[in-house]
Amino acid sequence: MSEREPSDPEAIRAMAADRELRAAADEFVLRGCRHRYPYNFTWLGVPVIQFPQDLIALQEIIWRVRPGAIVETGVAHGGGTLFLASMLELLGGDGTVIGVDREIRAHNRRAIEAHPASARVTLVEGSSTDQRIVARVHELARGRRTLVVLDSNHTAAHVLNELRAYAPLVDRGSYIVVLDTIVERMSAADIGKRPWGPGNSPMTAVHDFLREGDRFEIDRELESTLLISVAPDGYLRCVKDR
């Protein structure tokens, strides 16, 4: 085993240049998704439905950015929401998670609201692209340094509308994280009857969004560090003020 530190840039570049390793990492992610690997994990007892590697990446981003608000679209069971709230709790201060979902089922809401980390969570029920919901989220995040995590409907049109709606909340140095861009690399058999797929995916939306302006760029260093991620091209760092 190498004695280099895990954060050694030279080691990361060498790892990222290893084509066989990158191919194996991609294959692991695709096969893992096929076997519902993200469903194996919980955060503090609540299903989180994420690859652990992406949770570690989010933790690193939160530590660097020190957000006062995290906007998360796609609450599902709530494990991801509570993970983000837990990170804010570790930072201290009054940071809050604004969790948006078209439908927050009663049993999931009860589990979230009963959880010790729920004090930092505000749930907003409705489509993340509905103008009333967008306005509500902007109101809740106003005056706070904001990080955005997108993980709801994965069609290109929906994600692009989310990016346009919530990008104005994000200041230079913070991020929009677009999860499940890996859909672009999945087969029709893996996707099944879902309304998204290659050419109509979160990655499609990311590339369209980046062509619309120059405030955001893909954090390639973070992507190279991770290797295993459901969000290739999905870690978008804000590099310019509004």
Protein backbone atom coordinates (compact mmCIF):
# COMPACT_ATOMS: atom_id res chain seq x y z
CA MET A 1 0.00 0.00 0.00
CA SER A 2 1.25 3.48 -0.84
CA GLU A 3 2.31 5.67 2.08
CA ARG A 4 1.04 8.79 0.32
CA GLU A 5 -1.62 10.75 2.14
CA PRO A 6 -5.15 10.20 0.76
CA SER A 7 -5.34 13.87 -0.20
CA ASP A 8 -2.05 13.81 -2.14
CA PRO A 9 -2.86 15.53 -5.48
CA GLU A 10 -0.17 13.57 -7.32
CA ALA A 11 -1.63 10.27 -6.10
CA ILE A 12 -5.12 11.36 -7.11
CA ARG A 13 -3.96 12.34 -10.61
CA ALA A 14 -2.20 9.00 -11.02
CA MET A 15 -5.31 7.15 -9.88
CA ALA A 16 -7.55 9.14 -12.24
CA ALA A 17 -5.19 8.41 -15.14
CA ASP A 18 -5.47 4.65 -14.56
CA ARG A 19 -7.98 3.76 -17.28
CA GLU A 20 -8.49 0.22 -16.07
CA LEU A 21 -9.26 1.45 -12.56
CA ARG A 22 -11.71 4.05 -13.85
CA ALA A 23 -13.44 1.45 -15.99
CA ALA A 24 -13.67 -0.91 -13.02
CA ALA A 25 -15.09 1.89 -10.86
CA ASP A 26 -17.74 2.71 -13.48
CA GLU A 27 -18.61 -0.97 -13.78
CA PHE A 28 -18.96 -1.26 -10.01
CA VAL A 29 -21.35 1.69 -9.89
CA LEU A 30 -23.50 0.38 -12.74
CA ARG A 31 -23.60 -3.17 -11.40
CA GLY A 32 -24.20 -1.86 -7.89
CA CYS A 33 -27.19 0.15 -9.06
CA ARG A 34 -28.49 -2.94 -10.84
CA HIS A 35 -28.40 -4.78 -7.50
CA ARG A 36 -29.88 -1.78 -5.59
CA TYR A 37 -26.62 -1.29 -3.71
CA PRO A 38 -27.58 2.23 -2.48
CA TYR A 39 -30.56 0.70 -0.66
CA ASN A 40 -28.20 -1.23 1.64
CA PHE A 41 -27.47 1.77 3.86
CA THR A 42 -29.12 3.88 6.52
CA TRP A 43 -28.16 7.13 8.19
CA LEU A 44 -28.86 7.04 11.93
CA GLY A 45 -31.46 4.34 11.34
CA VAL A 46 -33.25 5.88 8.34
CA PRO A 47 -32.80 4.61 4.73
CA VAL A 48 -30.45 6.97 2.93
CA ILE A 49 -30.42 5.47 -0.63
CA GLN A 50 -26.98 6.80 -1.57
CA PHE A 51 -23.54 5.43 -2.30
CA PRO A 52 -21.39 6.00 0.82
CA GLN A 53 -18.73 7.64 -1.34
CA ASP A 54 -21.13 10.42 -2.32
CA LEU A 55 -22.07 10.97 1.32
CA ILE A 56 -18.38 11.44 2.12
CA ALA A 57 -18.10 13.93 -0.75
CA LEU A 58 -21.10 15.87 0.57
CA GLN A 59 -19.52 15.92 4.03
CA GLU A 60 -16.31 17.39 2.59
CA ILE A 61 -18.24 20.03 0.66
CA ILE A 62 -20.29 21.00 3.71
CA TRP A 63 -17.13 21.37 5.79
CA ARG A 64 -15.54 23.64 3.17
CA VAL A 65 -18.61 25.70 2.34
CA ARG A 66 -20.09 26.01 5.87
CA PRO A 67 -23.60 26.59 4.47
CA GLY A 68 -26.34 28.23 6.47
CA ALA A 69 -28.93 26.46 4.33
CA ILE A 70 -28.94 23.27 2.31
CA VAL A 71 -31.72 22.87 -0.24
CA GLU A 72 -32.42 19.21 -1.02
CA THR A 73 -34.92 18.19 -3.68
CA GLY A 74 -36.10 14.59 -3.33
CA VAL A 75 -36.65 13.60 0.30
CA ALA A 76 -37.83 9.97 -0.13
CA HIS A 77 -37.44 8.15 3.22
CA GLY A 78 -35.51 11.08 4.68
CA GLY A 79 -32.12 9.52 5.40
CA GLY A 80 -30.34 11.94 3.09
CA THR A 81 -32.17 14.88 4.63
CA LEU A 82 -31.17 13.77 8.12
CA PHE A 83 -27.59 13.17 6.99
CA LEU A 84 -27.37 16.78 5.81
CA ALA A 85 -28.97 17.99 9.04
CA SER A 86 -26.45 15.95 11.04
CA MET A 87 -23.56 17.60 9.22
CA LEU A 88 -24.98 21.03 10.00
CA GLU A 89 -25.37 20.03 13.65
CA LEU A 90 -21.67 19.15 13.76
CA LEU A 91 -20.81 22.57 12.33
CA GLY A 92 -22.84 24.37 14.98
CA GLY A 93 -24.70 27.58 14.31
CA ASP A 94 -28.27 27.73 13.06
CA GLY A 95 -27.93 25.98 9.69
CA THR A 96 -31.07 24.44 8.23
CA VAL A 97 -32.01 21.82 5.63
CA ILE A 98 -34.92 22.65 3.34
CA GLY A 99 -36.23 19.31 2.06
CA VAL A 100 -38.52 19.51 -0.98
CA ASP A 101 -40.54 16.62 -2.36
CA ARG A 102 -43.63 16.34 -4.54
CA GLU A 103 -45.11 13.90 -2.03
CA ILE A 104 -43.83 13.39 1.51
CA ARG A 105 -45.59 10.25 2.64
CA ALA A 106 -47.08 10.33 6.11
CA HIS A 107 -44.93 7.54 7.53
CA ASN A 108 -41.76 9.15 6.16
CA ARG A 109 -42.75 12.54 7.57
CA ARG A 110 -43.39 10.98 10.97
CA ALA A 111 -40.00 9.24 10.93
CA ILE A 112 -38.20 12.45 9.99
CA GLU A 113 -40.03 14.66 12.47
CA ALA A 114 -39.47 12.17 15.31
CA HIS A 115 -35.74 11.94 14.65
CA PRO A 116 -33.19 13.73 16.90
CA ALA A 117 -31.74 15.53 13.84
CA SER A 118 -35.13 16.89 12.71
CA ALA A 119 -34.81 20.23 14.54
CA ARG A 120 -32.74 21.50 11.61
CA VAL A 121 -35.17 20.28 8.91
CA THR A 122 -37.98 22.19 7.19
CA LEU A 123 -40.08 20.02 4.86
CA VAL A 124 -41.75 21.62 1.85
CA GLU A 125 -44.25 19.46 -0.03
CA GLY A 126 -44.77 20.13 -3.73
CA SER A 127 -42.94 20.00 -7.04
CA SER A 128 -39.46 21.48 -6.79
CA THR A 129 -40.08 23.38 -10.03
CA ASP A 130 -43.49 24.80 -9.12
CA GLN A 131 -43.04 28.57 -8.92
CA ARG A 132 -44.81 28.77 -5.56
CA ILE A 133 -42.46 26.13 -4.12
CA VAL A 134 -39.41 27.81 -5.64
CA ALA A 135 -40.47 31.12 -4.09
CA ARG A 136 -40.99 29.44 -0.71
CA VAL A 137 -37.52 27.86 -0.81
CA HIS A 138 -35.92 31.17 -1.78
CA GLU A 139 -37.69 32.80 1.14
CA LEU A 140 -36.46 30.15 3.59
CA ALA A 141 -32.88 30.40 2.30
CA ARG A 142 -32.73 34.17 2.05
CA GLY A 143 -29.64 35.68 3.65
CA ARG A 144 -27.96 32.30 4.14
CA ARG A 145 -24.97 30.82 2.32
CA THR A 146 -26.66 28.02 0.41
CA LEU A 147 -25.72 24.60 -0.93
CA VAL A 148 -28.12 22.79 -3.28
CA VAL A 149 -28.51 19.01 -3.70
CA LEU A 150 -30.78 17.82 -6.53
CA ASP A 151 -32.16 14.28 -6.34
CA SER A 152 -35.80 14.24 -7.44
CA ASN A 153 -37.32 13.59 -10.88
CA HIS A 154 -34.38 12.62 -13.12
CA THR A 155 -35.68 13.74 -16.52
CA ALA A 156 -33.45 16.30 -18.24
CA ALA A 157 -36.22 18.92 -18.44
CA HIS A 158 -37.02 18.69 -14.74
CA VAL A 159 -33.40 18.83 -13.57
CA LEU A 160 -32.63 21.72 -15.93
CA ASN A 161 -35.57 23.64 -14.50
CA GLU A 162 -34.31 22.89 -10.98
CA LEU A 163 -30.85 24.13 -11.89
CA ARG A 164 -32.25 27.36 -13.29
CA ALA A 165 -34.54 27.82 -10.28
CA TYR A 166 -32.00 27.27 -7.50
CA ALA A 167 -28.69 28.40 -9.03
CA PRO A 168 -29.39 32.02 -7.98
CA LEU A 169 -29.24 30.88 -4.34
CA VAL A 170 -25.64 29.68 -4.70
CA ASP A 171 -22.69 32.01 -4.19
CA ARG A 172 -19.11 31.63 -5.35
CA GLY A 173 -17.36 28.77 -3.59
CA SER A 174 -20.55 26.84 -2.88
CA TYR A 175 -22.01 23.99 -4.94
CA ILE A 176 -24.96 22.50 -6.70
CA VAL A 177 -24.71 18.72 -6.47
CA VAL A 178 -26.72 16.89 -9.12
CA LEU A 179 -27.11 13.26 -8.10
CA ASP A 180 -27.82 10.25 -10.35
CA THR A 181 -26.14 11.68 -13.43
CA ILE A 182 -25.01 8.04 -13.80
CA VAL A 183 -28.40 7.45 -15.49
CA GLU A 184 -26.70 8.68 -18.68
CA ARG A 185 -24.51 5.54 -18.67
CA MET A 186 -27.22 3.01 -17.80
CA SER A 187 -28.78 0.53 -20.18
CA ALA A 188 -32.45 0.47 -21.13
CA ALA A 189 -32.80 -2.78 -19.18
CA ASP A 190 -31.44 -1.13 -16.02
CA ILE A 191 -33.75 1.89 -16.37
CA GLY A 192 -36.89 -0.08 -17.10
CA LYS A 193 -40.10 1.92 -17.51
CA ARG A 194 -38.83 5.10 -15.86
CA PRO A 195 -39.30 8.28 -17.91
CA TRP A 196 -35.57 9.09 -18.02
CA GLY A 197 -32.52 7.53 -19.65
CA PRO A 198 -29.47 8.28 -21.81
CA GLY A 199 -29.99 11.61 -23.57
CA ASN A 200 -32.75 12.48 -21.09
CA SER A 201 -30.95 12.39 -17.77
CA PRO A 202 -29.57 14.62 -15.03
CA MET A 203 -26.23 14.63 -16.89
CA THR A 204 -28.00 15.90 -20.02
CA ALA A 205 -29.41 18.73 -17.91
CA VAL A 206 -26.01 19.54 -16.38
CA HIS A 207 -24.36 19.92 -19.77
CA ASP A 208 -27.23 22.06 -21.09
CA PHE A 209 -27.09 24.23 -17.96
CA LEU A 210 -23.34 24.76 -18.18
CA ARG A 211 -23.72 25.95 -21.77
CA GLU A 212 -26.11 28.66 -20.58
CA GLY A 213 -23.55 30.52 -18.45
CA ASP A 214 -20.14 30.52 -16.83
CA ARG A 215 -20.93 30.74 -13.09
CA PHE A 216 -20.49 26.99 -12.51
CA GLU A 217 -17.94 24.37 -13.45
CA ILE A 218 -17.59 20.64 -12.83
CA ASP A 219 -15.26 19.91 -9.92
CA ARG A 220 -13.03 17.43 -11.72
CA GLU A 221 -10.61 17.11 -8.80
CA LEU A 222 -13.38 15.93 -6.51
CA GLU A 223 -14.65 13.54 -9.17
CA SER A 224 -11.16 12.09 -9.63
CA THR A 225 -10.80 11.68 -5.88
CA LEU A 226 -14.07 9.78 -5.58
CA LEU A 227 -13.87 7.48 -8.62
CA ILE A 228 -16.96 5.64 -7.33
CA SER A 229 -19.97 7.96 -7.54
CA VAL A 230 -23.51 8.12 -8.89
CA ALA A 231 -22.83 11.76 -9.82
CA PRO A 232 -20.20 11.93 -12.58
CA ASP A 233 -20.16 15.52 -13.92
CA GLY A 234 -22.62 16.33 -11.14
CA TYR A 235 -20.48 18.22 -8.60
CA LEU A 236 -20.89 21.80 -9.81
CA ARG A 237 -18.80 24.44 -8.08
CA CYS A 238 -19.85 28.07 -8.32
CA VAL A 239 -16.86 30.07 -9.55
CA LYS A 240 -18.40 33.51 -10.17
CA ASP A 241 -20.62 35.87 -8.25
CA ARG A 242 -24.06 36.65 -9.58
